[in-house]
Amino acid sequence: MRIEGKRVMLRRLIQRGRYVVAVEIEAVTPPDDPGEPCYEHETVEFLREVVDHADRDDVGWLKQHGKLYELVEQ
């Protein structure tokens, strides 16, 4: 079920271990609660998927779904 309201695209940074993944997600501002955009169920599931793939070092998947940054030791 989709929430009614204004939709906006947001960039979220997810840090897991030596990776930071920047992903673009959709959020919605419901008309009855305009204080802050919220996530729909599908968006939350996608963010969990990103975390899972980062924890498994699945670099190929992460690059397909966002911008991947990796910590480089000096």
C-alpha atoms as a PDB file:
ATOM      1  CA  MET A   1       0.000   0.000   0.000  1.00  0.00           C
ATOM      2  CA  ARG A   2       1.407   3.382  -0.994  1.00  0.00           C
ATOM      3  CA  ILE A   3       1.204   6.357   1.330  1.00  0.00           C
ATOM      4  CA  GLU A   4      -0.416   9.442  -0.163  1.00  0.00           C
ATOM      5  CA  GLY A   5       1.539  12.671  -0.120  1.00  0.00           C
ATOM      6  CA  LYS A   6       4.387  14.571  -1.691  1.00  0.00           C
ATOM      7  CA  ARG A   7       7.248  12.344  -2.856  1.00  0.00           C
ATOM      8  CA  VAL A   8      10.873  13.395  -2.694  1.00  0.00           C
ATOM      9  CA  MET A   9      14.141  11.694  -3.565  1.00  0.00           C
ATOM     10  CA  LEU A  10      16.732  11.578  -0.787  1.00  0.00           C
ATOM     11  CA  ARG A  11      20.313  10.383  -0.636  1.00  0.00           C
ATOM     12  CA  ARG A  12      21.112   8.169   2.317  1.00  0.00           C
ATOM     13  CA  LEU A  13      24.582   7.091   3.408  1.00  0.00           C
ATOM     14  CA  ILE A  14      24.880   3.631   4.927  1.00  0.00           C
ATOM     15  CA  GLN A  15      28.131   2.779   6.700  1.00  0.00           C
ATOM     16  CA  ARG A  16      28.982  -0.862   7.291  1.00  0.00           C
ATOM     17  CA  GLY A  17      32.486  -2.000   8.162  1.00  0.00           C
ATOM     18  CA  ARG A  18      34.890  -0.532   5.640  1.00  0.00           C
ATOM     19  CA  TYR A  19      32.134   0.540   3.215  1.00  0.00           C
ATOM     20  CA  VAL A  20      29.920   3.570   2.855  1.00  0.00           C
ATOM     21  CA  VAL A  21      27.134   3.211   0.306  1.00  0.00           C
ATOM     22  CA  ALA A  22      25.246   6.258  -0.996  1.00  0.00           C
ATOM     23  CA  VAL A  23      21.781   5.287  -2.251  1.00  0.00           C
ATOM     24  CA  GLU A  24      18.940   7.338  -3.678  1.00  0.00           C
ATOM     25  CA  ILE A  25      15.596   6.518  -2.073  1.00  0.00           C
ATOM     26  CA  GLU A  26      12.062   7.822  -2.260  1.00  0.00           C
ATOM     27  CA  ALA A  27      10.396   9.299   0.808  1.00  0.00           C
ATOM     28  CA  VAL A  28       6.878  10.644   1.193  1.00  0.00           C
ATOM     29  CA  THR A  29       5.489  13.508   3.255  1.00  0.00           C
ATOM     30  CA  PRO A  30       1.932  12.577   4.236  1.00  0.00           C
ATOM     31  CA  PRO A  31      -0.574  15.459   4.173  1.00  0.00           C
ATOM     32  CA  ASP A  32      -1.717  14.714   7.742  1.00  0.00           C
ATOM     33  CA  ASP A  33       1.865  14.712   9.125  1.00  0.00           C
ATOM     34  CA  PRO A  34       3.939  17.199   7.110  1.00  0.00           C
ATOM     35  CA  GLY A  35       6.735  17.492   9.664  1.00  0.00           C
ATOM     36  CA  GLU A  36       9.164  15.074   8.075  1.00  0.00           C
ATOM     37  CA  PRO A  37       9.271  12.703   5.092  1.00  0.00           C
ATOM     38  CA  CYS A  38       8.859   9.023   5.954  1.00  0.00           C
ATOM     39  CA  TYR A  39       9.741   5.740   4.276  1.00  0.00           C
ATOM     40  CA  GLU A  40       7.369   3.192   2.841  1.00  0.00           C
ATOM     41  CA  HIS A  41       7.810  -0.505   3.572  1.00  0.00           C
ATOM     42  CA  GLU A  42       9.557  -1.186   0.250  1.00  0.00           C
ATOM     43  CA  THR A  43      12.136   1.519   0.959  1.00  0.00           C
ATOM     44  CA  VAL A  44      12.899   0.118   4.408  1.00  0.00           C
ATOM     45  CA  GLU A  45      13.326  -3.357   2.900  1.00  0.00           C
ATOM     46  CA  PHE A  46      15.691  -1.945   0.262  1.00  0.00           C
ATOM     47  CA  LEU A  47      17.805  -0.248   2.953  1.00  0.00           C
ATOM     48  CA  ARG A  48      17.993  -3.550   4.857  1.00  0.00           C
ATOM     49  CA  GLU A  49      19.084  -5.252   1.645  1.00  0.00           C
ATOM     50  CA  VAL A  50      21.883  -2.702   1.196  1.00  0.00           C
ATOM     51  CA  VAL A  51      23.091  -3.394   4.746  1.00  0.00           C
ATOM     52  CA  ASP A  52      22.985  -7.151   4.133  1.00  0.00           C
ATOM     53  CA  HIS A  53      24.994  -6.914   0.899  1.00  0.00           C
ATOM     54  CA  ALA A  54      27.540  -4.563   2.513  1.00  0.00           C
ATOM     55  CA  ASP A  55      27.984  -7.010   5.408  1.00  0.00           C
ATOM     56  CA  ARG A  56      28.681  -9.775   2.849  1.00  0.00           C
ATOM     57  CA  ASP A  57      31.170  -7.601   0.885  1.00  0.00           C
ATOM     58  CA  ASP A  58      28.982  -7.924  -2.232  1.00  0.00           C
ATOM     59  CA  VAL A  59      30.737  -5.101  -4.077  1.00  0.00           C
ATOM     60  CA  GLY A  60      29.116  -5.858  -7.447  1.00  0.00           C
ATOM     61  CA  TRP A  61      25.569  -5.562  -6.069  1.00  0.00           C
ATOM     62  CA  LEU A  62      26.412  -2.425  -4.098  1.00  0.00           C
ATOM     63  CA  LYS A  63      27.879  -0.713  -7.187  1.00  0.00           C
ATOM     64  CA  GLN A  64      24.709  -1.525  -9.159  1.00  0.00           C
ATOM     65  CA  HIS A  65      22.423   0.036  -6.537  1.00  0.00           C
ATOM     66  CA  GLY A  66      24.386   3.016  -5.294  1.00  0.00           C
ATOM     67  CA  LYS A  67      27.709   4.769  -5.092  1.00  0.00           C
ATOM     68  CA  LEU A  68      30.264   2.745  -3.139  1.00  0.00           C
ATOM     69  CA  TYR A  69      33.055   4.193  -1.033  1.00  0.00           C
ATOM     70  CA  GLU A  70      35.670   2.039   0.650  1.00  0.00           C
ATOM     71  CA  LEU A  71      38.029   2.853   3.500  1.00  0.00           C
ATOM     72  CA  VAL A  72      41.637   2.746   2.350  1.00  0.00           C
ATOM     73  CA  GLU A  73      44.215   2.148   5.051  1.00  0.00           C
ATOM     74  CA  GLN A  74      47.339   4.305   4.898  1.00  0.00           C
END
